[in-house]
Amino acid sequence: MTRDEHREFASHWGSFEEHPFFQIVQGRQTAPDVVTLAKDATLGGTENAWHADLSWHKHPSYGAILRAIELPEVGGDTLWADTSAAHDLLPQEIQERIAELTAVHDWVSTFGQAMGEEKSQALRPRFPQVEHPVVCVHPETGRRSLFVNPAFTQHIVGMEAAESAELLAVLYATISLPECQVRFRWSEGAVAFWDNRSTQHYASSDYYPARRVMDRISIIGSAPCGPA
């Protein structure tokens, strides 16, 4: 698949998302609609944390199509977690407890750290903190899924810090269970397409200082909706 074919394939699912920070925090970007994730001895992998793309945005990504360009001889797998399966594995009392909660999501502790305080403060008015339901309902399947992640979720609204951290730790631990996951071993030219509304992903950073280059096109999403 060429880059133009990548775009043509992605266009069937909606409008392309232009990531607002990648040109700032990672150079080597050659197109506004295609994020190039190029990691090597000078810039190691940093996506090795469970996350949903742009959960800190008012309208998080609908999904993404990732294409392998250049791969290390060993390592660099990507893992996906089914957050609906994770929700269903929770005890009933926790499912009921979290059904109507909301959580704050933010980018400053991740992308903000990479770009420096001055640029971070300049961008803050355009991208304030947002609140999303802890439990989201998939608009097509109707399944409930967990919409919190350790990369961008800051705290649960209305809870003391310790209580929020304790509950989030339970949810993160459930999402990270192998029973909820698949692991994809890349080959050159391979393509992965995921639904950002009901999954999280983790790029294994186990190939340093080897080189790994991927192209990603993301589709603009909508505001997550909770059970209410």
Protein backbone atom coordinates (compact mmCIF):
# COMPACT_ATOMS: atom_id res chain seq x y z
CA MET A 1 0.00 0.00 0.00
CA THR A 2 1.40 3.39 -0.98
CA ARG A 3 0.74 6.56 0.99
CA ASP A 4 -1.90 7.63 -1.54
CA GLU A 5 -3.57 4.21 -1.31
CA HIS A 6 -3.41 4.52 2.47
CA ARG A 7 -5.31 7.80 2.20
CA GLU A 8 -7.85 6.38 -0.25
CA PHE A 9 -8.55 3.40 2.01
CA ALA A 10 -8.92 5.61 5.11
CA SER A 11 -11.26 8.04 3.32
CA HIS A 12 -14.07 5.45 3.36
CA TRP A 13 -14.54 6.00 7.11
CA GLY A 14 -14.60 9.77 7.43
CA SER A 15 -12.55 12.95 7.46
CA PHE A 16 -8.88 12.87 8.39
CA GLU A 17 -7.64 14.19 11.68
CA GLU A 18 -4.63 16.49 11.81
CA HIS A 19 -2.79 15.85 15.07
CA PRO A 20 -2.11 19.29 16.62
CA PHE A 21 1.13 18.41 18.42
CA PHE A 22 3.17 15.94 16.40
CA GLN A 23 4.95 18.56 14.31
CA ILE A 24 6.03 20.20 17.56
CA VAL A 25 7.09 17.20 19.64
CA GLN A 26 8.43 15.00 16.84
CA GLY A 27 9.99 16.28 13.64
CA ARG A 28 10.15 14.37 10.36
CA GLN A 29 6.49 15.07 9.60
CA THR A 30 5.95 15.42 5.86
CA ALA A 31 2.15 15.74 5.56
CA PRO A 32 -0.55 17.25 7.79
CA ASP A 33 -2.89 14.27 7.46
CA VAL A 34 -0.34 11.46 7.93
CA VAL A 35 1.56 11.14 11.21
CA THR A 36 4.96 9.52 10.73
CA LEU A 37 6.10 7.72 13.88
CA ALA A 38 9.85 7.41 13.31
CA LYS A 39 11.89 6.00 16.19
CA ASP A 40 15.58 5.18 16.29
CA ALA A 41 18.72 5.68 18.40
CA THR A 42 18.05 9.44 18.66
CA LEU A 43 14.35 9.16 19.54
CA GLY A 44 13.20 6.02 21.28
CA GLY A 45 9.62 4.76 21.38
CA THR A 46 7.34 6.66 23.74
CA GLU A 47 3.96 5.07 23.00
CA ASN A 48 4.56 2.21 25.43
CA ALA A 49 1.65 3.14 27.68
CA TRP A 50 -1.97 2.08 27.30
CA HIS A 51 -3.97 4.86 25.70
CA ALA A 52 -6.84 5.77 23.40
CA ASP A 53 -5.82 8.34 20.79
CA LEU A 54 -6.72 11.95 21.60
CA SER A 55 -8.87 11.06 24.60
CA TRP A 56 -7.93 14.58 25.79
CA HIS A 57 -9.83 16.06 22.83
CA LYS A 58 -13.51 17.03 22.91
CA HIS A 59 -13.93 14.67 19.95
CA PRO A 60 -11.45 11.77 20.36
CA SER A 61 -10.43 9.77 17.31
CA TYR A 62 -12.98 7.48 15.70
CA GLY A 63 -10.23 5.10 14.63
CA ALA A 64 -6.84 4.89 12.99
CA ILE A 65 -5.07 3.01 10.20
CA LEU A 66 -1.40 2.28 10.88
CA ARG A 67 0.99 1.12 8.14
CA ALA A 68 4.45 -0.37 8.64
CA ILE A 69 7.18 1.38 6.64
CA GLU A 70 10.43 0.21 8.24
CA LEU A 71 10.79 -2.35 11.02
CA PRO A 72 13.46 -3.55 13.43
CA GLU A 73 14.67 -7.12 13.10
CA VAL A 74 13.24 -7.91 16.54
CA GLY A 75 10.50 -6.23 18.58
CA GLY A 76 8.17 -3.33 17.94
CA ASP A 77 4.89 -5.27 18.32
CA THR A 78 1.65 -3.40 18.99
CA LEU A 79 -0.89 -4.60 21.55
CA TRP A 80 -4.60 -3.76 21.62
CA ALA A 81 -6.96 -4.12 24.56
CA ASP A 82 -10.72 -4.61 24.16
CA THR A 83 -12.15 -2.14 26.66
CA SER A 84 -15.64 -3.60 26.35
CA ALA A 85 -14.29 -6.99 27.43
CA ALA A 86 -12.47 -5.24 30.29
CA HIS A 87 -15.72 -3.60 31.41
CA ASP A 88 -17.52 -6.94 31.36
CA LEU A 89 -14.82 -8.53 33.52
CA LEU A 90 -15.38 -6.04 36.34
CA PRO A 91 -17.44 -7.13 39.37
CA GLN A 92 -21.06 -6.03 39.15
CA GLU A 93 -20.71 -3.60 42.04
CA ILE A 94 -17.86 -1.77 40.29
CA GLN A 95 -19.79 -1.66 37.00
CA GLU A 96 -22.66 0.01 38.86
CA ARG A 97 -20.33 2.36 40.73
CA ILE A 98 -18.68 3.72 37.58
CA ALA A 99 -21.72 3.81 35.26
CA GLU A 100 -22.42 7.52 35.67
CA LEU A 101 -18.97 8.86 36.58
CA THR A 102 -16.92 11.24 34.47
CA ALA A 103 -13.16 11.75 34.32
CA VAL A 104 -10.86 14.60 33.34
CA HIS A 105 -8.51 14.04 30.38
CA ASP A 106 -5.51 16.22 29.54
CA TRP A 107 -2.44 16.32 27.28
CA VAL A 108 -0.12 18.55 29.31
CA SER A 109 1.51 15.75 31.32
CA THR A 110 2.47 13.92 28.10
CA PHE A 111 2.73 16.07 24.97
CA GLY A 112 3.15 19.17 27.10
CA GLN A 113 6.26 17.77 28.74
CA ALA A 114 7.76 16.99 25.34
CA MET A 115 7.19 20.46 23.86
CA GLY A 116 8.24 22.60 26.83
CA GLU A 117 6.32 24.94 29.10
CA GLU A 118 6.23 27.98 26.81
CA LYS A 119 4.64 26.16 23.86
CA SER A 120 2.41 24.20 26.19
CA GLN A 121 1.00 27.35 27.76
CA ALA A 122 0.50 28.95 24.34
CA LEU A 123 -1.58 25.96 23.17
CA ARG A 124 -3.57 25.52 26.38
CA PRO A 125 -6.41 27.94 25.43
CA ARG A 126 -7.07 25.91 22.26
CA PHE A 127 -6.99 22.57 24.04
CA PRO A 128 -8.37 22.81 27.58
CA GLN A 129 -8.98 19.84 29.84
CA VAL A 130 -12.10 17.85 28.91
CA GLU A 131 -14.45 15.55 30.78
CA HIS A 132 -15.65 12.26 29.32
CA PRO A 133 -17.79 9.45 30.77
CA VAL A 134 -15.77 6.74 32.49
CA VAL A 135 -18.09 4.24 30.78
CA CYS A 136 -18.97 4.88 27.16
CA VAL A 137 -21.64 3.22 25.04
CA HIS A 138 -20.54 2.23 21.55
CA PRO A 139 -22.85 3.99 19.06
CA GLU A 140 -23.07 0.92 16.78
CA THR A 141 -22.90 -2.13 19.04
CA GLY A 142 -24.45 -0.65 22.20
CA ARG A 143 -21.73 -2.30 24.32
CA ARG A 144 -20.29 -0.51 27.31
CA SER A 145 -16.55 0.11 27.42
CA LEU A 146 -14.05 1.74 29.76
CA PHE A 147 -12.89 5.15 28.54
CA VAL A 148 -10.04 5.94 30.92
CA ASN A 149 -6.34 5.46 30.29
CA PRO A 150 -3.12 6.06 32.26
CA ALA A 151 -1.59 8.31 29.58
CA PHE A 152 -4.26 11.03 29.52
CA THR A 153 -6.84 10.50 32.30
CA GLN A 154 -6.11 12.79 35.25
CA HIS A 155 -8.76 11.98 37.84
CA ILE A 156 -12.40 11.07 38.35
CA VAL A 157 -14.66 14.05 38.90
CA GLY A 158 -16.09 14.47 42.39
CA MET A 159 -13.69 12.10 44.15
CA GLU A 160 -10.86 12.73 46.56
CA ALA A 161 -7.47 12.18 44.93
CA ALA A 162 -6.74 8.93 46.78
CA GLU A 163 -10.16 7.43 46.04
CA SER A 164 -9.92 8.40 42.38
CA ALA A 165 -6.43 6.93 42.04
CA GLU A 166 -7.50 3.69 43.72
CA LEU A 167 -10.50 3.21 41.43
CA LEU A 168 -8.57 4.11 38.28
CA ALA A 169 -5.87 1.61 39.24
CA VAL A 170 -8.51 -1.15 39.32
CA LEU A 171 -9.79 -0.15 35.87
CA TYR A 172 -6.28 0.08 34.38
CA ALA A 173 -5.32 -3.29 35.81
CA THR A 174 -8.38 -4.87 34.21
CA ILE A 175 -7.65 -3.30 30.83
CA SER A 176 -4.09 -4.65 31.01
CA LEU A 177 -5.19 -8.27 31.53
CA PRO A 178 -3.93 -10.56 28.73
CA GLU A 179 -7.45 -11.99 28.42
CA CYS A 180 -8.53 -8.62 26.96
CA GLN A 181 -5.69 -8.28 24.51
CA VAL A 182 -4.31 -9.16 21.11
CA ARG A 183 -0.67 -8.72 20.13
CA PHE A 184 0.30 -7.98 16.52
CA ARG A 185 3.75 -8.81 15.18
CA TRP A 186 4.41 -6.44 12.31
CA SER A 187 5.78 -7.34 8.89
CA GLU A 188 6.85 -4.78 6.33
CA GLY A 189 3.82 -3.25 4.62
CA ALA A 190 1.34 -4.66 7.16
CA VAL A 191 -1.68 -2.51 8.01
CA ALA A 192 -3.72 -2.36 11.22
CA PHE A 193 -7.09 -0.62 11.55
CA TRP A 194 -8.66 -0.18 14.98
CA ASP A 195 -11.77 1.30 16.55
CA ASN A 196 -10.54 3.91 19.03
CA ARG A 197 -13.95 4.01 20.72
CA SER A 198 -13.67 0.53 22.23
CA THR A 199 -9.95 -0.25 22.31
CA GLN A 200 -6.70 1.00 23.73
CA HIS A 201 -3.26 0.26 22.35
CA TYR A 202 0.34 -0.06 23.46
CA ALA A 203 3.42 0.05 21.21
CA SER A 204 6.12 -2.15 22.68
CA SER A 205 9.34 -0.13 22.92
CA ASP A 206 11.74 -3.07 22.94
CA TYR A 207 13.81 -2.38 19.82
CA TYR A 208 16.08 0.53 20.81
CA PRO A 209 18.41 1.61 19.20
CA ALA A 210 17.02 -0.03 16.04
CA ARG A 211 14.80 1.94 13.66
CA ARG A 212 11.01 1.63 13.39
CA VAL A 213 8.93 3.83 11.06
CA MET A 214 5.12 3.77 10.82
CA ASP A 215 2.56 5.97 9.03
CA ARG A 216 -0.76 6.61 10.73
CA ILE A 217 -3.95 8.21 9.45
CA SER A 218 -6.60 8.97 12.05
CA ILE A 219 -10.32 9.56 11.48
CA ILE A 220 -12.16 12.38 13.23
CA GLY A 221 -14.53 11.12 15.91
CA SER A 222 -17.37 12.48 18.01
CA ALA A 223 -17.96 13.17 21.69
CA PRO A 224 -18.19 9.94 23.74
CA CYS A 225 -21.60 9.16 25.24
CA GLY A 226 -22.21 7.47 28.57
CA PRO A 227 -25.03 5.11 29.57
CA ALA A 228 -27.22 8.02 30.67
